[in-house]
Amino acid sequence: MEIAEVIQKYDSIRNELDLLLPEIRDNVFSCLKIKKVEHIDHIASRIKSRDSFVEKSQKIEDEKTKYPNPFKEIQDLIGIRVIVYFLSDVAPVVEVLEKGFRRIEEKDFVPETPKDFDYQGKHIIAMIPPELLVKYCTASDENGIS
């Protein structure tokens, strides 16, 4: 997909993403509260910037475009990060998220040795529930968003 076309499609859905993001964030927060998941530092959220999305959409891998249909294949257009204080709180957060979202992919980031004080994280790529897409993304079908 040409850069100009990616920009035009991204711009056409940006307002809908702006409406969708707070609802997803609020749903995650409500579910964690209902399930009494404790020790949450905060919940951060973002929409991938146009520049970052365009750059990723043009990635070349094995001499061909990695994402021929970027609006269907790039899976991190919206991101939610739940930051907890203790490792023991990661599993309950994941359990809550997996009840509301269908997991596509998971990746753990663990320090090299237990003595290292470093970032540790669990990244989950999940599908946005279709009922939220239908509610907010009127352009989803015409833009090829899944």
N, C-alpha and C. Protein backbone atom coordinates (compact mmCIF):
# COMPACT_ATOMS: atom_id res chain seq x y z
N MET A 1 0.85 -1.17 0.00
CA MET A 1 0.00 0.00 0.00
C MET A 1 0.90 1.24 0.00
N GLU A 2 0.61 2.18 -0.86
CA GLU A 2 1.42 3.39 -0.98
C GLU A 2 1.26 4.26 0.26
N ILE A 3 2.31 5.04 0.55
CA ILE A 3 2.32 5.88 1.75
C ILE A 3 1.13 6.84 1.78
N ALA A 4 0.83 7.49 0.68
CA ALA A 4 -0.28 8.45 0.64
C ALA A 4 -1.60 7.77 0.99
N GLU A 5 -1.78 6.56 0.51
CA GLU A 5 -3.02 5.82 0.79
C GLU A 5 -3.10 5.43 2.27
N VAL A 6 -1.97 5.01 2.84
CA VAL A 6 -1.93 4.67 4.27
C VAL A 6 -2.27 5.90 5.10
N ILE A 7 -1.68 7.04 4.77
CA ILE A 7 -1.94 8.28 5.51
C ILE A 7 -3.42 8.65 5.43
N GLN A 8 -3.97 8.58 4.23
CA GLN A 8 -5.38 8.95 4.04
C GLN A 8 -6.31 8.04 4.85
N LYS A 9 -6.05 6.74 4.82
CA LYS A 9 -6.89 5.81 5.57
C LYS A 9 -6.70 5.99 7.07
N TYR A 10 -5.45 6.19 7.51
CA TYR A 10 -5.20 6.42 8.94
C TYR A 10 -5.97 7.66 9.40
N ASP A 11 -5.84 8.75 8.65
CA ASP A 11 -6.53 9.99 9.02
C ASP A 11 -8.04 9.80 9.05
N SER A 12 -8.57 8.95 8.17
CA SER A 12 -10.03 8.76 8.12
C SER A 12 -10.57 7.99 9.32
N ILE A 13 -9.73 7.25 10.01
CA ILE A 13 -10.21 6.48 11.17
C ILE A 13 -9.73 7.05 12.51
N ARG A 14 -8.87 8.05 12.49
CA ARG A 14 -8.26 8.55 13.73
C ARG A 14 -9.31 9.02 14.74
N ASN A 15 -10.34 9.76 14.30
CA ASN A 15 -11.36 10.23 15.24
C ASN A 15 -12.09 9.06 15.90
N GLU A 16 -12.35 8.02 15.14
CA GLU A 16 -13.03 6.85 15.69
C GLU A 16 -12.13 6.14 16.71
N LEU A 17 -10.83 6.08 16.43
CA LEU A 17 -9.90 5.48 17.39
C LEU A 17 -9.86 6.31 18.67
N ASP A 18 -9.93 7.64 18.53
CA ASP A 18 -9.95 8.52 19.70
C ASP A 18 -11.17 8.24 20.59
N LEU A 19 -12.29 7.86 20.00
CA LEU A 19 -13.48 7.51 20.77
C LEU A 19 -13.38 6.11 21.36
N LEU A 20 -12.78 5.21 20.62
CA LEU A 20 -12.67 3.81 21.04
C LEU A 20 -11.69 3.62 22.20
N LEU A 21 -10.58 4.32 22.16
CA LEU A 21 -9.53 4.11 23.17
C LEU A 21 -10.00 4.30 24.61
N PRO A 22 -10.70 5.40 24.96
CA PRO A 22 -11.11 5.55 26.36
C PRO A 22 -12.08 4.46 26.81
N GLU A 23 -12.92 4.00 25.90
CA GLU A 23 -13.86 2.94 26.29
C GLU A 23 -13.11 1.64 26.59
N ILE A 24 -12.13 1.32 25.77
CA ILE A 24 -11.33 0.11 26.04
C ILE A 24 -10.60 0.26 27.36
N ARG A 25 -9.96 1.40 27.57
CA ARG A 25 -9.23 1.65 28.82
C ARG A 25 -10.17 1.57 30.02
N ASP A 26 -11.34 2.19 29.92
CA ASP A 26 -12.30 2.18 31.02
C ASP A 26 -12.82 0.78 31.29
N ASN A 27 -13.05 0.00 30.22
CA ASN A 27 -13.50 -1.38 30.39
C ASN A 27 -12.44 -2.22 31.11
N VAL A 28 -11.19 -2.04 30.72
CA VAL A 28 -10.11 -2.77 31.38
C VAL A 28 -10.06 -2.38 32.85
N PHE A 29 -10.10 -1.08 33.13
CA PHE A 29 -10.06 -0.61 34.52
C PHE A 29 -11.23 -1.18 35.32
N SER A 30 -12.45 -1.12 34.76
CA SER A 30 -13.64 -1.63 35.47
C SER A 30 -13.54 -3.12 35.75
N CYS A 31 -13.09 -3.88 34.77
CA CYS A 31 -12.96 -5.33 34.96
C CYS A 31 -11.94 -5.65 36.05
N LEU A 32 -10.83 -4.93 36.06
CA LEU A 32 -9.81 -5.17 37.09
C LEU A 32 -10.35 -4.81 38.47
N LYS A 33 -11.14 -3.74 38.54
CA LYS A 33 -11.72 -3.31 39.81
C LYS A 33 -12.76 -4.33 40.30
N ILE A 34 -13.63 -4.78 39.40
CA ILE A 34 -14.66 -5.76 39.75
C ILE A 34 -14.02 -7.05 40.25
N LYS A 35 -12.95 -7.48 39.60
CA LYS A 35 -12.26 -8.72 39.98
C LYS A 35 -11.31 -8.51 41.15
N LYS A 36 -11.31 -7.27 41.68
CA LYS A 36 -10.48 -6.93 42.85
C LYS A 36 -8.99 -7.23 42.64
N VAL A 37 -8.51 -6.92 41.45
CA VAL A 37 -7.07 -7.05 41.19
C VAL A 37 -6.41 -5.87 41.90
N GLU A 38 -5.50 -6.19 42.80
CA GLU A 38 -4.89 -5.17 43.63
C GLU A 38 -3.52 -4.75 43.08
N HIS A 39 -2.99 -3.74 43.68
CA HIS A 39 -1.62 -3.28 43.42
C HIS A 39 -1.40 -2.81 41.99
N ILE A 40 -2.39 -2.15 41.42
CA ILE A 40 -2.21 -1.59 40.08
C ILE A 40 -1.64 -0.18 40.25
N ASP A 41 -0.51 0.05 39.63
CA ASP A 41 0.11 1.37 39.68
C ASP A 41 -0.71 2.32 38.81
N HIS A 42 -0.84 1.99 37.53
CA HIS A 42 -1.69 2.77 36.63
C HIS A 42 -1.93 2.02 35.33
N ILE A 43 -2.86 2.55 34.56
CA ILE A 43 -3.19 2.00 33.25
C ILE A 43 -2.90 3.10 32.23
N ALA A 44 -1.99 2.80 31.32
CA ALA A 44 -1.63 3.76 30.27
C ALA A 44 -2.23 3.28 28.96
N SER A 45 -2.51 4.21 28.09
CA SER A 45 -3.06 3.83 26.79
C SER A 45 -2.55 4.80 25.73
N ARG A 46 -2.57 4.32 24.50
CA ARG A 46 -2.12 5.16 23.39
C ARG A 46 -2.68 4.64 22.08
N ILE A 47 -2.73 5.53 21.13
CA ILE A 47 -3.01 5.18 19.74
C ILE A 47 -1.69 5.36 19.01
N LYS A 48 -1.32 4.36 18.21
CA LYS A 48 -0.07 4.46 17.45
C LYS A 48 -0.13 5.72 16.59
N SER A 49 0.90 6.51 16.64
CA SER A 49 0.93 7.76 15.87
C SER A 49 0.91 7.46 14.37
N ARG A 50 0.47 8.44 13.63
CA ARG A 50 0.42 8.27 12.18
C ARG A 50 1.81 7.96 11.64
N ASP A 51 2.83 8.71 12.08
CA ASP A 51 4.18 8.49 11.58
C ASP A 51 4.67 7.07 11.87
N SER A 52 4.42 6.61 13.09
CA SER A 52 4.85 5.26 13.47
C SER A 52 4.11 4.20 12.67
N PHE A 53 2.80 4.42 12.47
CA PHE A 53 2.01 3.46 11.70
C PHE A 53 2.48 3.42 10.25
N VAL A 54 2.69 4.58 9.67
CA VAL A 54 3.15 4.65 8.26
C VAL A 54 4.50 3.96 8.13
N GLU A 55 5.41 4.27 9.05
CA GLU A 55 6.74 3.65 9.00
C GLU A 55 6.63 2.12 9.09
N LYS A 56 5.83 1.63 10.01
CA LYS A 56 5.67 0.18 10.16
C LYS A 56 5.00 -0.43 8.93
N SER A 57 4.06 0.29 8.35
CA SER A 57 3.34 -0.23 7.18
C SER A 57 4.25 -0.41 5.96
N GLN A 58 5.37 0.30 5.97
CA GLN A 58 6.29 0.24 4.82
C GLN A 58 7.47 -0.70 5.04
N LYS A 59 7.46 -1.42 6.17
CA LYS A 59 8.56 -2.33 6.50
C LYS A 59 8.73 -3.39 5.42
N ILE A 60 9.99 -3.65 5.09
CA ILE A 60 10.33 -4.66 4.10
C ILE A 60 10.97 -5.84 4.84
N GLU A 61 10.52 -7.03 4.52
CA GLU A 61 11.08 -8.25 5.11
C GLU A 61 11.22 -9.28 4.00
N ASP A 62 12.38 -9.86 3.89
CA ASP A 62 12.67 -10.83 2.82
C ASP A 62 12.35 -10.25 1.44
N GLU A 63 12.73 -8.98 1.27
CA GLU A 63 12.60 -8.27 -0.01
C GLU A 63 11.18 -8.04 -0.46
N LYS A 64 10.22 -8.12 0.47
CA LYS A 64 8.83 -7.78 0.12
C LYS A 64 8.19 -7.05 1.29
N THR A 65 7.09 -6.37 1.02
CA THR A 65 6.38 -5.63 2.05
C THR A 65 5.87 -6.59 3.12
N LYS A 66 6.23 -6.30 4.36
CA LYS A 66 5.82 -7.17 5.46
C LYS A 66 4.31 -7.10 5.69
N TYR A 67 3.71 -5.93 5.48
CA TYR A 67 2.27 -5.73 5.74
C TYR A 67 1.56 -5.23 4.47
N PRO A 68 1.22 -6.13 3.55
CA PRO A 68 0.53 -5.68 2.34
C PRO A 68 -0.82 -5.03 2.63
N ASN A 69 -1.48 -5.45 3.71
CA ASN A 69 -2.74 -4.84 4.13
C ASN A 69 -2.56 -4.38 5.58
N PRO A 70 -1.90 -3.24 5.79
CA PRO A 70 -1.50 -2.84 7.14
C PRO A 70 -2.65 -2.65 8.12
N PHE A 71 -3.82 -2.26 7.65
CA PHE A 71 -4.93 -2.03 8.57
C PHE A 71 -5.54 -3.33 9.09
N LYS A 72 -5.22 -4.43 8.46
CA LYS A 72 -5.63 -5.74 8.97
C LYS A 72 -4.47 -6.44 9.68
N GLU A 73 -3.25 -6.16 9.27
CA GLU A 73 -2.11 -6.95 9.74
C GLU A 73 -1.31 -6.30 10.88
N ILE A 74 -1.33 -5.00 10.99
CA ILE A 74 -0.62 -4.34 12.10
C ILE A 74 -1.56 -4.38 13.30
N GLN A 75 -1.09 -5.03 14.35
CA GLN A 75 -1.99 -5.35 15.46
C GLN A 75 -1.83 -4.46 16.68
N ASP A 76 -1.03 -3.41 16.59
CA ASP A 76 -0.85 -2.57 17.77
C ASP A 76 -1.25 -1.12 17.51
N LEU A 77 -2.34 -0.95 16.77
CA LEU A 77 -2.85 0.39 16.49
C LEU A 77 -3.29 1.07 17.79
N ILE A 78 -3.86 0.29 18.70
CA ILE A 78 -4.22 0.77 20.03
C ILE A 78 -3.45 -0.06 21.03
N GLY A 79 -2.91 0.59 22.06
CA GLY A 79 -2.18 -0.13 23.08
C GLY A 79 -2.65 0.26 24.47
N ILE A 80 -2.78 -0.73 25.34
CA ILE A 80 -3.13 -0.52 26.75
C ILE A 80 -2.03 -1.17 27.57
N ARG A 81 -1.54 -0.48 28.57
CA ARG A 81 -0.50 -1.03 29.44
C ARG A 81 -1.00 -0.96 30.88
N VAL A 82 -1.04 -2.12 31.53
CA VAL A 82 -1.41 -2.19 32.94
C VAL A 82 -0.12 -2.41 33.73
N ILE A 83 0.21 -1.45 34.56
CA ILE A 83 1.45 -1.54 35.34
C ILE A 83 1.09 -1.93 36.77
N VAL A 84 1.69 -3.03 37.22
CA VAL A 84 1.44 -3.52 38.58
C VAL A 84 2.74 -3.45 39.38
N TYR A 85 2.59 -3.51 40.71
CA TYR A 85 3.76 -3.41 41.58
C TYR A 85 4.47 -4.75 41.79
N PHE A 86 3.72 -5.85 41.76
CA PHE A 86 4.28 -7.14 42.13
C PHE A 86 4.07 -8.16 41.02
N LEU A 87 5.05 -9.04 40.86
CA LEU A 87 4.93 -10.12 39.87
C LEU A 87 3.68 -10.96 40.10
N SER A 88 3.32 -11.14 41.35
CA SER A 88 2.15 -11.97 41.67
C SER A 88 0.85 -11.37 41.15
N ASP A 89 0.87 -10.09 40.78
CA ASP A 89 -0.33 -9.45 40.25
C ASP A 89 -0.46 -9.56 38.73
N VAL A 90 0.58 -10.06 38.07
CA VAL A 90 0.54 -10.18 36.61
C VAL A 90 -0.50 -11.21 36.18
N ALA A 91 -0.49 -12.38 36.79
CA ALA A 91 -1.42 -13.46 36.40
C ALA A 91 -2.88 -13.04 36.54
N PRO A 92 -3.30 -12.40 37.64
CA PRO A 92 -4.70 -11.97 37.71
C PRO A 92 -5.07 -10.94 36.65
N VAL A 93 -4.13 -10.05 36.31
CA VAL A 93 -4.39 -9.07 35.26
C VAL A 93 -4.57 -9.77 33.92
N VAL A 94 -3.69 -10.71 33.61
CA VAL A 94 -3.79 -11.46 32.36
C VAL A 94 -5.11 -12.22 32.30
N GLU A 95 -5.51 -12.81 33.40
CA GLU A 95 -6.77 -13.56 33.45
C GLU A 95 -7.96 -12.66 33.11
N VAL A 96 -7.98 -11.47 33.69
CA VAL A 96 -9.07 -10.52 33.41
C VAL A 96 -9.04 -10.10 31.94
N LEU A 97 -7.86 -9.78 31.43
CA LEU A 97 -7.76 -9.34 30.04
C LEU A 97 -8.19 -10.43 29.07
N GLU A 98 -7.84 -11.67 29.38
CA GLU A 98 -8.19 -12.76 28.46
C GLU A 98 -9.68 -13.07 28.46
N LYS A 99 -10.40 -12.63 29.48
CA LYS A 99 -11.86 -12.82 29.48
C LYS A 99 -12.55 -11.80 28.58
N GLY A 100 -11.91 -10.64 28.39
CA GLY A 100 -12.52 -9.60 27.58
C GLY A 100 -11.96 -9.47 26.18
N PHE A 101 -10.79 -10.05 25.96
CA PHE A 101 -10.12 -9.93 24.67
C PHE A 101 -9.60 -11.29 24.25
N ARG A 102 -9.63 -11.54 22.96
CA ARG A 102 -9.08 -12.80 22.44
C ARG A 102 -7.59 -12.60 22.16
N ARG A 103 -6.78 -13.37 22.88
CA ARG A 103 -5.32 -13.25 22.73
C ARG A 103 -4.88 -13.80 21.38
N ILE A 104 -4.00 -13.06 20.74
CA ILE A 104 -3.42 -13.48 19.47
C ILE A 104 -1.98 -13.93 19.70
N GLU A 105 -1.29 -13.20 20.55
CA GLU A 105 0.14 -13.43 20.72
C GLU A 105 0.54 -12.99 22.13
N GLU A 106 1.60 -13.60 22.65
CA GLU A 106 2.10 -13.24 23.98
C GLU A 106 3.62 -13.32 23.97
N LYS A 107 4.24 -12.39 24.67
CA LYS A 107 5.69 -12.37 24.75
C LYS A 107 6.10 -11.91 26.14
N ASP A 108 7.00 -12.67 26.77
CA ASP A 108 7.49 -12.32 28.09
C ASP A 108 8.86 -11.66 27.98
N PHE A 109 9.05 -10.62 28.77
CA PHE A 109 10.34 -9.96 28.88
C PHE A 109 10.82 -10.16 30.32
N VAL A 110 11.93 -10.88 30.47
CA VAL A 110 12.44 -11.24 31.79
C VAL A 110 13.91 -10.86 31.87
N PRO A 111 14.35 -10.31 33.02
CA PRO A 111 15.77 -9.99 33.17
C PRO A 111 16.63 -11.24 33.01
N GLU A 112 17.88 -11.04 32.58
CA GLU A 112 18.77 -12.17 32.31
C GLU A 112 19.06 -13.01 33.55
N THR A 113 19.23 -12.36 34.70
CA THR A 113 19.46 -13.10 35.94
C THR A 113 18.52 -12.57 37.01
N PRO A 114 18.17 -13.41 37.98
CA PRO A 114 17.25 -12.96 39.04
C PRO A 114 17.79 -11.79 39.86
N LYS A 115 19.11 -11.59 39.85
CA LYS A 115 19.70 -10.50 40.61
C LYS A 115 19.58 -9.16 39.90
N ASP A 116 19.32 -9.20 38.58
CA ASP A 116 19.19 -7.95 37.83
C ASP A 116 17.91 -7.22 38.23
N PHE A 117 18.04 -5.93 38.45
CA PHE A 117 16.87 -5.10 38.66
C PHE A 117 16.60 -4.45 37.31
N ASP A 118 15.64 -4.99 36.60
CA ASP A 118 15.42 -4.57 35.23
C ASP A 118 13.94 -4.66 34.92
N TYR A 119 13.59 -4.20 33.75
CA TYR A 119 12.21 -4.29 33.28
C TYR A 119 11.79 -5.74 33.14
N GLN A 120 10.61 -6.03 33.62
CA GLN A 120 10.02 -7.34 33.38
C GLN A 120 8.59 -7.11 32.93
N GLY A 121 8.20 -7.75 31.88
CA GLY A 121 6.86 -7.51 31.35
C GLY A 121 6.30 -8.68 30.61
N LYS A 122 5.00 -8.63 30.45
CA LYS A 122 4.27 -9.61 29.65
C LYS A 122 3.47 -8.80 28.65
N HIS A 123 3.77 -8.98 27.39
CA HIS A 123 3.05 -8.27 26.34
C HIS A 123 2.06 -9.23 25.70
N ILE A 124 0.82 -8.79 25.62
CA ILE A 124 -0.23 -9.60 25.02
C ILE A 124 -0.83 -8.79 23.87
N ILE A 125 -0.86 -9.39 22.71
CA ILE A 125 -1.55 -8.77 21.58
C ILE A 125 -2.90 -9.46 21.50
N ALA A 126 -3.96 -8.64 21.50
CA ALA A 126 -5.31 -9.20 21.54
C ALA A 126 -6.21 -8.44 20.57
N MET A 127 -7.29 -9.09 20.20
CA MET A 127 -8.27 -8.48 19.31
C MET A 127 -9.20 -7.57 20.12
N ILE A 128 -9.56 -6.44 19.55
CA ILE A 128 -10.57 -5.58 20.15
C ILE A 128 -11.91 -6.29 19.97
N PRO A 129 -12.73 -6.36 21.02
CA PRO A 129 -14.03 -7.02 20.88
C PRO A 129 -14.83 -6.42 19.71
N PRO A 130 -15.40 -7.27 18.87
CA PRO A 130 -16.12 -6.78 17.69
C PRO A 130 -17.24 -5.79 18.01
N GLU A 131 -17.90 -5.97 19.16
CA GLU A 131 -19.00 -5.06 19.50
C GLU A 131 -18.49 -3.63 19.72
N LEU A 132 -17.26 -3.47 20.17
CA LEU A 132 -16.70 -2.12 20.31
C LEU A 132 -16.32 -1.56 18.94
N LEU A 133 -15.77 -2.40 18.09
CA LEU A 133 -15.44 -1.93 16.74
C LEU A 133 -16.68 -1.46 16.00
N VAL A 134 -17.75 -2.24 16.11
CA VAL A 134 -19.00 -1.88 15.42
C VAL A 134 -19.55 -0.57 15.99
N LYS A 135 -19.46 -0.41 17.31
CA LYS A 135 -20.01 0.77 17.97
C LYS A 135 -19.29 2.05 17.53
N TYR A 136 -17.97 1.99 17.39
CA TYR A 136 -17.20 3.21 17.14
C TYR A 136 -16.63 3.33 15.74
N CYS A 137 -16.28 2.24 15.12
CA CYS A 137 -15.53 2.31 13.87
C CYS A 137 -16.42 2.09 12.68
N THR A 138 -17.16 3.09 12.30
CA THR A 138 -18.04 2.99 11.14
C THR A 138 -17.23 2.78 9.87
N ALA A 139 -15.98 3.22 9.89
CA ALA A 139 -15.13 3.09 8.70
C ALA A 139 -14.36 1.78 8.71
N SER A 140 -14.61 0.91 9.68
CA SER A 140 -13.76 -0.28 9.82
C SER A 140 -13.84 -1.20 8.59
N ASP A 141 -15.00 -1.42 8.05
CA ASP A 141 -15.10 -2.30 6.88
C ASP A 141 -14.45 -1.67 5.65
N GLU A 142 -14.75 -0.42 5.42
CA GLU A 142 -14.21 0.20 4.22
C GLU A 142 -12.71 0.42 4.30
N ASN A 143 -12.16 0.46 5.52
CA ASN A 143 -10.73 0.64 5.67
C ASN A 143 -10.01 -0.68 5.91
N GLY A 144 -10.74 -1.76 5.95
CA GLY A 144 -10.09 -3.06 6.11
C GLY A 144 -9.58 -3.31 7.50
N ILE A 145 -10.18 -2.70 8.51
CA ILE A 145 -9.73 -2.91 9.89
C ILE A 145 -10.44 -4.11 10.45
N SER A 146 -9.69 -4.96 11.11
CA SER A 146 -10.31 -6.11 11.74
C SER A 146 -10.11 -6.05 13.23
